[in-house]
Amino acid sequence: MNLRTLMGTALALATTPVLAHPGHGHGDAFSLLHFLSSPEHLWPLGLLMLAIVGGLFGARWCRHRAGR
């Protein structure tokens, strides 16, 4: 089993509990308010934002270091 398959499987299993958290079925489960008010959605969104910002600053830092 290669690393890509292992990581894909791990990510799929890690997100499975989020698919059926309490609150779905009450009101509009696909509204922006639901996603922004549920901690089950906020922490992955926060981690994604942190990864994006870290990636952008990391890429900028690497370009800056290479230019010296």
N, C-alpha and C. Protein backbone atom coordinates (compact mmCIF):
# COMPACT_ATOMS: atom_id res chain seq x y z
N MET A 1 0.85 -1.18 0.00
CA MET A 1 0.00 0.00 0.00
C MET A 1 0.90 1.24 0.00
N ASN A 2 0.67 2.13 -0.95
CA ASN A 2 1.51 3.32 -1.01
C ASN A 2 0.98 4.41 -0.06
N LEU A 3 1.78 5.45 0.10
CA LEU A 3 1.45 6.50 1.06
C LEU A 3 0.18 7.26 0.66
N ARG A 4 -0.03 7.48 -0.63
CA ARG A 4 -1.21 8.21 -1.08
C ARG A 4 -2.49 7.45 -0.73
N THR A 5 -2.48 6.15 -0.92
CA THR A 5 -3.65 5.33 -0.58
C THR A 5 -3.87 5.32 0.92
N LEU A 6 -2.81 5.21 1.69
CA LEU A 6 -2.91 5.20 3.14
C LEU A 6 -3.47 6.53 3.66
N MET A 7 -2.98 7.64 3.15
CA MET A 7 -3.46 8.95 3.58
C MET A 7 -4.92 9.17 3.18
N GLY A 8 -5.28 8.75 1.98
CA GLY A 8 -6.67 8.88 1.54
C GLY A 8 -7.62 8.07 2.41
N THR A 9 -7.21 6.88 2.77
CA THR A 9 -8.03 6.04 3.64
C THR A 9 -8.15 6.65 5.03
N ALA A 10 -7.05 7.15 5.57
CA ALA A 10 -7.07 7.77 6.89
C ALA A 10 -7.97 9.00 6.91
N LEU A 11 -7.89 9.82 5.89
CA LEU A 11 -8.73 11.02 5.83
C LEU A 11 -10.20 10.66 5.67
N ALA A 12 -10.50 9.66 4.88
CA ALA A 12 -11.89 9.24 4.70
C ALA A 12 -12.47 8.71 6.01
N LEU A 13 -11.69 7.94 6.75
CA LEU A 13 -12.17 7.41 8.02
C LEU A 13 -12.28 8.49 9.09
N ALA A 14 -11.40 9.49 9.05
CA ALA A 14 -11.43 10.56 10.04
C ALA A 14 -12.64 11.46 9.86
N THR A 15 -13.12 11.61 8.65
CA THR A 15 -14.25 12.51 8.41
C THR A 15 -15.60 11.82 8.50
N THR A 16 -15.63 10.53 8.60
CA THR A 16 -16.90 9.80 8.64
C THR A 16 -17.80 10.21 9.79
N PRO A 17 -17.33 10.39 11.03
CA PRO A 17 -18.24 10.79 12.11
C PRO A 17 -18.89 12.15 11.90
N VAL A 18 -18.25 13.03 11.16
CA VAL A 18 -18.80 14.37 10.93
C VAL A 18 -20.02 14.33 10.01
N LEU A 19 -20.13 13.30 9.22
CA LEU A 19 -21.22 13.23 8.26
C LEU A 19 -22.59 13.11 8.93
N ALA A 20 -22.65 12.66 10.16
CA ALA A 20 -23.94 12.44 10.82
C ALA A 20 -23.96 13.04 12.21
N HIS A 21 -23.38 14.22 12.39
CA HIS A 21 -23.40 14.83 13.71
C HIS A 21 -24.79 15.37 14.02
N PRO A 22 -25.14 15.55 15.28
CA PRO A 22 -26.45 16.08 15.65
C PRO A 22 -26.67 17.45 15.02
N GLY A 23 -27.87 17.71 14.63
CA GLY A 23 -28.19 19.00 14.02
C GLY A 23 -28.63 18.87 12.58
N HIS A 24 -28.23 17.80 11.94
CA HIS A 24 -28.69 17.58 10.58
C HIS A 24 -30.12 17.05 10.67
N GLY A 25 -30.97 17.60 9.88
CA GLY A 25 -32.37 17.22 9.93
C GLY A 25 -33.22 18.24 10.66
N HIS A 26 -32.58 19.17 11.37
CA HIS A 26 -33.29 20.25 12.06
C HIS A 26 -33.04 21.54 11.30
N GLY A 27 -34.00 22.02 10.60
CA GLY A 27 -33.81 23.22 9.80
C GLY A 27 -33.05 22.89 8.52
N ASP A 28 -32.38 23.89 7.99
CA ASP A 28 -31.63 23.70 6.75
C ASP A 28 -30.20 23.29 7.08
N ALA A 29 -29.89 22.04 6.87
CA ALA A 29 -28.56 21.51 7.20
C ALA A 29 -27.49 21.99 6.24
N PHE A 30 -27.87 22.58 5.13
CA PHE A 30 -26.88 23.02 4.15
C PHE A 30 -26.79 24.53 4.06
N SER A 31 -27.22 25.22 5.12
CA SER A 31 -27.13 26.68 5.13
C SER A 31 -25.77 27.12 5.65
N LEU A 32 -25.38 28.33 5.32
CA LEU A 32 -24.11 28.87 5.78
C LEU A 32 -24.12 29.01 7.29
N LEU A 33 -25.25 29.38 7.88
CA LEU A 33 -25.35 29.52 9.33
C LEU A 33 -25.06 28.20 10.03
N HIS A 34 -25.55 27.10 9.48
CA HIS A 34 -25.28 25.78 10.07
C HIS A 34 -23.79 25.48 10.08
N PHE A 35 -23.12 25.74 8.98
CA PHE A 35 -21.69 25.42 8.89
C PHE A 35 -20.85 26.33 9.78
N LEU A 36 -21.25 27.57 9.94
CA LEU A 36 -20.48 28.50 10.75
C LEU A 36 -20.78 28.41 12.24
N SER A 37 -21.90 27.80 12.62
CA SER A 37 -22.27 27.73 14.03
C SER A 37 -22.03 26.37 14.65
N SER A 38 -21.61 25.38 13.90
CA SER A 38 -21.38 24.04 14.43
C SER A 38 -19.89 23.81 14.64
N PRO A 39 -19.49 23.43 15.85
CA PRO A 39 -18.06 23.17 16.07
C PRO A 39 -17.54 22.02 15.21
N GLU A 40 -18.43 21.12 14.81
CA GLU A 40 -18.01 20.01 13.96
C GLU A 40 -17.53 20.50 12.60
N HIS A 41 -17.99 21.68 12.21
CA HIS A 41 -17.58 22.26 10.93
C HIS A 41 -16.50 23.32 11.13
N LEU A 42 -16.47 23.95 12.28
CA LEU A 42 -15.53 25.05 12.49
C LEU A 42 -14.08 24.58 12.61
N TRP A 43 -13.83 23.50 13.34
CA TRP A 43 -12.43 23.11 13.52
C TRP A 43 -11.79 22.62 12.22
N PRO A 44 -12.49 21.84 11.37
CA PRO A 44 -11.83 21.50 10.10
C PRO A 44 -11.64 22.73 9.20
N LEU A 45 -12.59 23.66 9.25
CA LEU A 45 -12.45 24.89 8.47
C LEU A 45 -11.27 25.71 8.97
N GLY A 46 -11.11 25.77 10.29
CA GLY A 46 -9.97 26.48 10.87
C GLY A 46 -8.64 25.83 10.49
N LEU A 47 -8.59 24.50 10.52
CA LEU A 47 -7.37 23.81 10.13
C LEU A 47 -7.05 24.02 8.65
N LEU A 48 -8.09 24.03 7.82
CA LEU A 48 -7.89 24.28 6.40
C LEU A 48 -7.34 25.68 6.17
N MET A 49 -7.92 26.67 6.85
CA MET A 49 -7.44 28.05 6.71
C MET A 49 -6.00 28.17 7.20
N LEU A 50 -5.67 27.51 8.31
CA LEU A 50 -4.31 27.54 8.83
C LEU A 50 -3.33 26.91 7.85
N ALA A 51 -3.73 25.80 7.23
CA ALA A 51 -2.87 25.14 6.25
C ALA A 51 -2.65 26.02 5.01
N ILE A 52 -3.71 26.69 4.58
CA ILE A 52 -3.58 27.58 3.40
C ILE A 52 -2.66 28.75 3.71
N VAL A 53 -2.87 29.40 4.84
CA VAL A 53 -2.04 30.55 5.22
C VAL A 53 -0.60 30.10 5.44
N GLY A 54 -0.41 28.96 6.12
CA GLY A 54 0.94 28.44 6.34
C GLY A 54 1.63 28.10 5.03
N GLY A 55 0.89 27.52 4.09
CA GLY A 55 1.46 27.19 2.80
C GLY A 55 1.86 28.43 2.02
N LEU A 56 1.03 29.46 2.08
CA LEU A 56 1.36 30.69 1.37
C LEU A 56 2.58 31.37 1.96
N PHE A 57 2.64 31.46 3.30
CA PHE A 57 3.80 32.08 3.92
C PHE A 57 5.05 31.22 3.75
N GLY A 58 4.89 29.89 3.79
CA GLY A 58 6.03 29.00 3.58
C GLY A 58 6.59 29.14 2.18
N ALA A 59 5.72 29.23 1.19
CA ALA A 59 6.17 29.39 -0.19
C ALA A 59 6.87 30.73 -0.37
N ARG A 60 6.33 31.76 0.24
CA ARG A 60 6.94 33.09 0.13
C ARG A 60 8.31 33.09 0.81
N TRP A 61 8.41 32.44 1.97
CA TRP A 61 9.67 32.38 2.69
C TRP A 61 10.72 31.62 1.88
N CYS A 62 10.31 30.51 1.25
CA CYS A 62 11.26 29.74 0.43
C CYS A 62 11.74 30.55 -0.77
N ARG A 63 10.86 31.29 -1.40
CA ARG A 63 11.27 32.14 -2.53
C ARG A 63 12.20 33.25 -2.07
N HIS A 64 11.91 33.79 -0.89
CA HIS A 64 12.76 34.84 -0.35
C HIS A 64 14.16 34.30 -0.03
N ARG A 65 14.23 33.11 0.56
CA ARG A 65 15.51 32.51 0.91
C ARG A 65 16.30 32.14 -0.35
N ALA A 66 15.63 31.71 -1.39
CA ALA A 66 16.31 31.31 -2.62
C ALA A 66 16.88 32.53 -3.36
N GLY A 67 16.29 33.69 -3.14
CA GLY A 67 16.74 34.89 -3.82
C GLY A 67 17.97 35.53 -3.22
N ARG A 68 18.40 35.06 -2.08
CA ARG A 68 19.59 35.67 -1.43
C ARG A 68 20.85 35.32 -2.13
